[in-house]
Amino acid sequence: MSDHMTVAKTILSQFGGNRSIKMIGAKNLVAHNTKLGGISMKHMKTTVDSKPANYFKIILNENDLYDLEFGYIHGHNYTVRKTIENVFAEDLVPFFEDATKLYLSL
């Protein structure tokens, strides 16, 4: 298995695994082949700072922390709505839930 796939699977498990992915209606999961790896997914439309977002990306950075990006995809157009840098693994879920108002646990 390639390194970027290993990183993507690790991020997915830190994010809550398949159960969390199903709870937000995620689809089109992509493992990123960036320098250190990452994962992105399209999910149910939400609000991020009062603007719709339907895309979420987590990238591992050089500090062994995560950079988050929330965006909106429509057709071939993509707009970044919010970015958060240097997030610890244990804070992925709280940051996601706070920004999107989609909850990953009951």
Protein backbone atom coordinates (compact mmCIF):
# COMPACT_ATOMS: atom_id res chain seq x y z
CA MET A 1 0.00 0.00 0.00
CA SER A 2 1.36 3.45 -0.88
CA ASP A 3 2.19 6.00 1.79
CA HIS A 4 -0.56 8.41 0.75
CA MET A 5 -3.16 5.63 1.06
CA THR A 6 -1.86 4.79 4.55
CA VAL A 7 -2.10 8.46 5.56
CA ALA A 8 -5.62 8.70 4.12
CA LYS A 9 -6.76 5.61 6.06
CA THR A 10 -5.21 6.97 9.25
CA ILE A 11 -6.96 10.31 8.81
CA LEU A 12 -10.24 8.55 8.13
CA SER A 13 -9.94 6.54 11.36
CA GLN A 14 -9.03 9.69 13.34
CA PHE A 15 -12.02 11.43 11.81
CA GLY A 16 -14.31 8.69 13.10
CA GLY A 17 -14.10 5.99 10.44
CA ASN A 18 -16.81 4.74 8.12
CA ARG A 19 -19.58 5.40 10.63
CA SER A 20 -18.81 9.14 10.67
CA ILE A 21 -18.59 9.21 6.89
CA LYS A 22 -22.06 7.66 6.62
CA MET A 23 -23.52 10.08 9.18
CA ILE A 24 -22.61 13.13 7.07
CA GLY A 25 -23.55 11.55 3.75
CA ALA A 26 -19.99 11.73 2.45
CA LYS A 27 -19.17 10.56 -1.04
CA ASN A 28 -16.36 10.89 -3.55
CA LEU A 29 -13.63 10.21 -0.99
CA VAL A 30 -10.21 10.93 -2.47
CA ALA A 31 -6.78 10.10 -1.05
CA HIS A 32 -4.44 12.97 -1.90
CA ASN A 33 -0.97 12.24 -3.19
CA THR A 34 0.48 15.44 -1.75
CA LYS A 35 3.89 15.59 -0.09
CA LEU A 36 2.56 14.07 3.16
CA GLY A 37 -0.92 12.94 2.13
CA GLY A 38 -4.50 13.76 2.91
CA ILE A 39 -8.12 13.00 2.17
CA SER A 40 -11.09 14.92 0.82
CA MET A 41 -14.78 14.23 0.45
CA LYS A 42 -17.98 15.78 -0.72
CA HIS A 43 -20.72 15.81 1.93
CA MET A 44 -24.19 17.14 2.64
CA LYS A 45 -24.49 20.88 2.12
CA THR A 46 -23.89 22.78 5.35
CA THR A 47 -23.11 26.25 6.57
CA VAL A 48 -19.56 27.41 7.15
CA ASP A 49 -19.62 30.97 8.45
CA SER A 50 -23.12 31.41 6.96
CA LYS A 51 -22.04 30.26 3.47
CA PRO A 52 -22.82 26.83 2.04
CA ALA A 53 -20.09 24.20 2.04
CA ASN A 54 -20.28 20.72 0.57
CA TYR A 55 -16.61 19.76 0.41
CA PHE A 56 -14.05 19.03 3.11
CA LYS A 57 -10.30 18.39 2.80
CA ILE A 58 -7.80 17.28 5.47
CA ILE A 59 -4.10 17.49 4.59
CA LEU A 60 -1.22 16.34 6.80
CA ASN A 61 1.33 19.18 7.10
CA GLU A 62 5.04 19.31 7.93
CA ASN A 63 4.29 19.80 11.65
CA ASP A 64 2.53 16.41 11.80
CA LEU A 65 -0.71 18.35 12.25
CA TYR A 66 -3.65 18.81 9.90
CA ASP A 67 -4.80 21.65 7.68
CA LEU A 68 -8.55 21.72 7.05
CA GLU A 69 -10.34 23.29 4.10
CA PHE A 70 -14.08 23.72 3.70
CA GLY A 71 -15.38 24.61 0.26
CA TYR A 72 -18.28 24.59 -2.14
CA ILE A 73 -18.33 22.64 -5.39
CA HIS A 74 -20.89 23.37 -8.09
CA GLY A 75 -20.25 21.97 -11.54
CA HIS A 76 -16.64 22.73 -12.42
CA ASN A 77 -16.41 25.65 -9.99
CA TYR A 78 -14.83 25.44 -6.54
CA THR A 79 -14.82 28.14 -3.88
CA VAL A 80 -12.91 27.90 -0.59
CA ARG A 81 -15.15 28.96 2.29
CA LYS A 82 -12.88 28.46 5.31
CA THR A 83 -9.42 27.13 6.18
CA ILE A 84 -8.03 26.08 9.56
CA GLU A 85 -4.35 25.23 9.99
CA ASN A 86 -2.36 23.13 12.46
CA VAL A 87 -5.17 21.05 13.94
CA PHE A 88 -4.34 18.14 16.26
CA ALA A 89 -5.84 14.74 15.37
CA GLU A 90 -8.08 14.74 18.44
CA ASP A 91 -9.53 18.10 17.34
CA LEU A 92 -10.54 17.06 13.81
CA VAL A 93 -14.08 16.10 14.77
CA PRO A 94 -14.79 19.13 17.00
CA PHE A 95 -13.51 21.56 14.33
CA PHE A 96 -15.57 19.83 11.63
CA GLU A 97 -18.73 19.79 13.76
CA ASP A 98 -18.30 23.43 14.78
CA ALA A 99 -17.74 24.65 11.21
CA THR A 100 -20.41 22.58 9.46
CA LYS A 101 -23.00 21.91 12.18
CA LEU A 102 -22.96 18.26 11.01
CA TYR A 103 -22.47 15.94 13.97
CA LEU A 104 -20.45 12.74 13.83
CA SER A 105 -21.92 11.11 16.94
CA LEU A 106 -25.35 10.78 18.46
